[in-house]
N, C-alpha and C. Protein backbone atom coordinates (compact mmCIF):
# COMPACT_ATOMS: atom_id res chain seq x y z
N MET A 1 -24.72 -14.98 -48.32
CA MET A 1 -23.92 -14.55 -46.99
C MET A 1 -24.75 -13.72 -46.22
N THR A 2 -24.98 -13.83 -44.75
CA THR A 2 -25.63 -13.33 -43.88
C THR A 2 -24.93 -12.01 -43.29
N LYS A 3 -25.65 -10.99 -43.16
CA LYS A 3 -25.12 -9.92 -42.64
C LYS A 3 -25.73 -9.76 -41.14
N THR A 4 -24.98 -9.52 -40.23
CA THR A 4 -25.34 -9.17 -38.83
C THR A 4 -24.95 -7.95 -38.40
N SER A 5 -25.66 -7.32 -37.29
CA SER A 5 -25.25 -6.19 -36.79
C SER A 5 -25.96 -6.09 -35.52
N THR A 6 -25.40 -5.26 -34.58
CA THR A 6 -25.77 -4.95 -33.24
C THR A 6 -26.39 -3.43 -33.13
N SER A 7 -27.57 -3.46 -32.64
CA SER A 7 -28.25 -2.09 -32.39
C SER A 7 -27.49 -1.32 -31.48
N LYS A 8 -27.55 0.05 -31.77
CA LYS A 8 -26.87 0.96 -30.87
C LYS A 8 -27.76 1.24 -29.58
N THR A 9 -29.12 0.62 -29.71
CA THR A 9 -29.87 0.70 -28.44
C THR A 9 -30.15 -0.68 -27.89
N ASN A 10 -29.32 -1.14 -27.02
CA ASN A 10 -29.46 -2.44 -26.62
C ASN A 10 -30.54 -2.63 -25.57
N VAL A 11 -31.46 -3.39 -25.87
CA VAL A 11 -32.58 -3.63 -24.83
C VAL A 11 -32.10 -4.32 -23.65
N ASN A 12 -30.87 -4.97 -23.49
CA ASN A 12 -30.56 -5.64 -22.35
C ASN A 12 -29.71 -4.68 -21.39
N LEU A 13 -29.54 -3.55 -21.81
CA LEU A 13 -28.74 -2.53 -20.90
C LEU A 13 -29.74 -2.07 -19.97
N PRO A 14 -29.31 -1.82 -18.62
CA PRO A 14 -30.44 -1.46 -17.67
C PRO A 14 -30.59 0.16 -17.78
N THR A 15 -31.71 0.50 -17.56
CA THR A 15 -32.17 1.82 -17.80
C THR A 15 -32.07 2.73 -16.44
N GLN A 16 -32.19 4.06 -16.55
CA GLN A 16 -31.90 4.69 -15.28
C GLN A 16 -32.80 4.51 -14.38
N ASN A 17 -34.07 4.44 -14.74
CA ASN A 17 -35.10 4.24 -13.62
C ASN A 17 -35.11 2.84 -13.02
N MET A 18 -34.23 1.92 -13.50
CA MET A 18 -34.11 0.56 -12.86
C MET A 18 -33.32 0.58 -11.62
N PHE A 19 -32.50 1.70 -11.43
CA PHE A 19 -31.61 1.81 -10.39
C PHE A 19 -32.15 3.05 -9.39
N GLN A 20 -32.75 2.72 -8.48
CA GLN A 20 -33.23 3.70 -7.41
C GLN A 20 -32.43 3.91 -6.34
N SER A 21 -32.09 5.08 -5.95
CA SER A 21 -31.15 5.13 -4.75
C SER A 21 -31.82 4.95 -3.45
N THR A 22 -31.19 4.39 -2.41
CA THR A 22 -31.63 3.91 -1.30
C THR A 22 -31.55 5.14 -0.03
N THR A 23 -31.39 6.41 -0.84
CA THR A 23 -31.09 7.38 0.06
C THR A 23 -32.34 8.01 0.94
N ASP A 24 -33.52 7.71 0.35
CA ASP A 24 -34.60 8.19 1.16
C ASP A 24 -34.88 7.27 2.54
N ASN A 25 -35.44 8.00 3.38
CA ASN A 25 -35.47 7.46 4.70
C ASN A 25 -36.36 6.24 4.90
N GLU A 26 -37.35 6.11 3.92
CA GLU A 26 -38.27 4.90 3.97
C GLU A 26 -37.46 3.66 3.58
N SER A 27 -36.71 3.83 2.67
CA SER A 27 -35.87 2.75 1.98
C SER A 27 -34.83 2.27 3.23
N GLU A 28 -34.24 3.17 3.75
CA GLU A 28 -33.32 3.00 4.94
C GLU A 28 -33.93 2.11 6.07
N ALA A 29 -35.10 2.70 6.35
CA ALA A 29 -35.75 2.04 7.42
C ALA A 29 -36.09 0.56 7.19
N GLU A 30 -36.49 0.22 5.91
CA GLU A 30 -36.93 -1.04 5.42
C GLU A 30 -35.68 -1.88 5.56
N ILE A 31 -34.52 -1.42 5.12
CA ILE A 31 -33.36 -2.22 5.05
C ILE A 31 -32.94 -2.42 6.68
N ASP A 32 -33.06 -1.39 7.50
CA ASP A 32 -32.79 -1.63 8.77
C ASP A 32 -33.67 -2.70 9.53
N LEU A 33 -34.87 -2.51 9.26
CA LEU A 33 -35.75 -3.61 9.75
C LEU A 33 -35.59 -4.95 9.32
N PHE A 34 -35.18 -5.09 8.10
CA PHE A 34 -35.03 -6.41 7.56
C PHE A 34 -33.64 -7.00 8.17
N TYR A 35 -32.69 -6.13 8.41
CA TYR A 35 -31.41 -6.55 9.02
C TYR A 35 -31.74 -6.94 10.46
N ASP A 36 -32.52 -6.24 11.22
CA ASP A 36 -32.75 -6.58 12.57
C ASP A 36 -33.53 -7.94 12.57
N GLN A 37 -34.36 -8.20 11.61
CA GLN A 37 -35.02 -9.52 11.65
C GLN A 37 -34.19 -10.73 11.37
N ILE A 38 -33.22 -10.41 10.58
CA ILE A 38 -32.17 -11.52 10.17
C ILE A 38 -30.93 -11.65 11.06
N LYS A 39 -30.68 -10.56 12.03
CA LYS A 39 -29.58 -10.44 12.70
C LYS A 39 -29.22 -11.86 13.56
N SER A 40 -30.28 -12.19 14.33
CA SER A 40 -29.92 -13.34 15.06
C SER A 40 -29.72 -14.56 14.37
N LYS A 41 -30.31 -14.68 13.23
CA LYS A 41 -30.07 -15.94 12.26
C LYS A 41 -28.49 -15.82 11.76
N LEU A 42 -28.17 -14.74 11.35
CA LEU A 42 -26.68 -14.44 11.04
C LEU A 42 -25.92 -14.88 12.20
N ASP A 43 -26.18 -14.40 13.28
CA ASP A 43 -25.24 -14.67 14.49
C ASP A 43 -25.05 -16.20 14.53
N GLY A 44 -26.10 -16.95 14.30
CA GLY A 44 -26.07 -18.41 14.45
C GLY A 44 -25.13 -18.97 13.60
N LEU A 45 -24.73 -18.31 12.41
CA LEU A 45 -23.87 -18.98 11.41
C LEU A 45 -22.48 -18.95 11.92
N ILE A 46 -22.29 -18.14 12.90
CA ILE A 46 -20.67 -18.14 13.37
C ILE A 46 -20.50 -19.41 13.96
N LYS A 47 -19.39 -19.86 13.45
CA LYS A 47 -18.89 -21.26 14.02
C LYS A 47 -17.38 -21.08 14.62
N ASN A 48 -17.13 -21.76 15.65
CA ASN A 48 -15.96 -21.76 16.26
C ASN A 48 -15.32 -23.14 16.42
N PRO A 49 -14.70 -23.59 15.51
CA PRO A 49 -14.15 -25.04 15.38
C PRO A 49 -13.30 -25.28 16.52
N SER A 50 -13.25 -26.44 17.04
CA SER A 50 -12.26 -27.00 18.09
C SER A 50 -10.82 -27.04 17.29
N GLU A 51 -9.73 -27.10 18.24
CA GLU A 51 -8.42 -27.45 17.69
C GLU A 51 -8.44 -28.77 17.09
N GLU A 52 -9.22 -29.74 17.50
CA GLU A 52 -9.21 -31.02 17.10
C GLU A 52 -9.61 -30.95 15.61
N SER A 53 -10.82 -30.43 15.38
CA SER A 53 -11.61 -30.26 14.12
C SER A 53 -10.62 -29.68 13.16
N ILE A 54 -9.86 -28.62 13.54
CA ILE A 54 -8.88 -27.98 12.67
C ILE A 54 -7.78 -28.84 12.28
N GLY A 55 -7.32 -29.72 13.30
CA GLY A 55 -6.33 -30.58 13.05
C GLY A 55 -6.61 -31.71 12.11
N ARG A 56 -7.78 -32.04 12.14
CA ARG A 56 -8.43 -33.21 11.27
C ARG A 56 -8.48 -32.63 9.65
N ILE A 57 -8.88 -31.35 9.63
CA ILE A 57 -9.09 -30.67 8.39
C ILE A 57 -7.75 -30.51 7.86
N LEU A 58 -6.77 -30.03 8.48
CA LEU A 58 -5.49 -29.91 7.88
C LEU A 58 -4.62 -31.38 7.59
N ALA A 59 -4.94 -32.33 8.34
CA ALA A 59 -4.37 -33.68 8.09
C ALA A 59 -4.99 -34.11 6.70
N TYR A 60 -6.38 -33.97 6.65
CA TYR A 60 -7.21 -34.33 5.34
C TYR A 60 -6.51 -33.58 4.02
N SER A 61 -6.33 -32.34 4.24
CA SER A 61 -5.82 -31.58 3.22
C SER A 61 -4.46 -31.92 2.73
N LYS A 62 -3.69 -32.45 3.69
CA LYS A 62 -2.42 -32.90 3.30
C LYS A 62 -2.18 -34.29 2.62
N THR A 63 -3.38 -34.92 2.68
CA THR A 63 -3.45 -36.36 2.10
C THR A 63 -3.70 -36.34 0.60
N LYS A 64 -4.24 -35.14 0.27
CA LYS A 64 -4.91 -34.87 -1.22
C LYS A 64 -3.78 -34.35 -2.03
């Protein structure tokens, strides 16, 4: 018979130093800079489908 057990100190649990708060100004500035760089690309993802496209999608979904 094999005996199995689980260690009380699990190596897969995150440690406190793995989580660094983003409250310091340098980290917030980096986040703002990153957002400013990708903002135009995110805006390009916005789609405004026409009524015809919406109608086709609805008609297709009713056939399934």
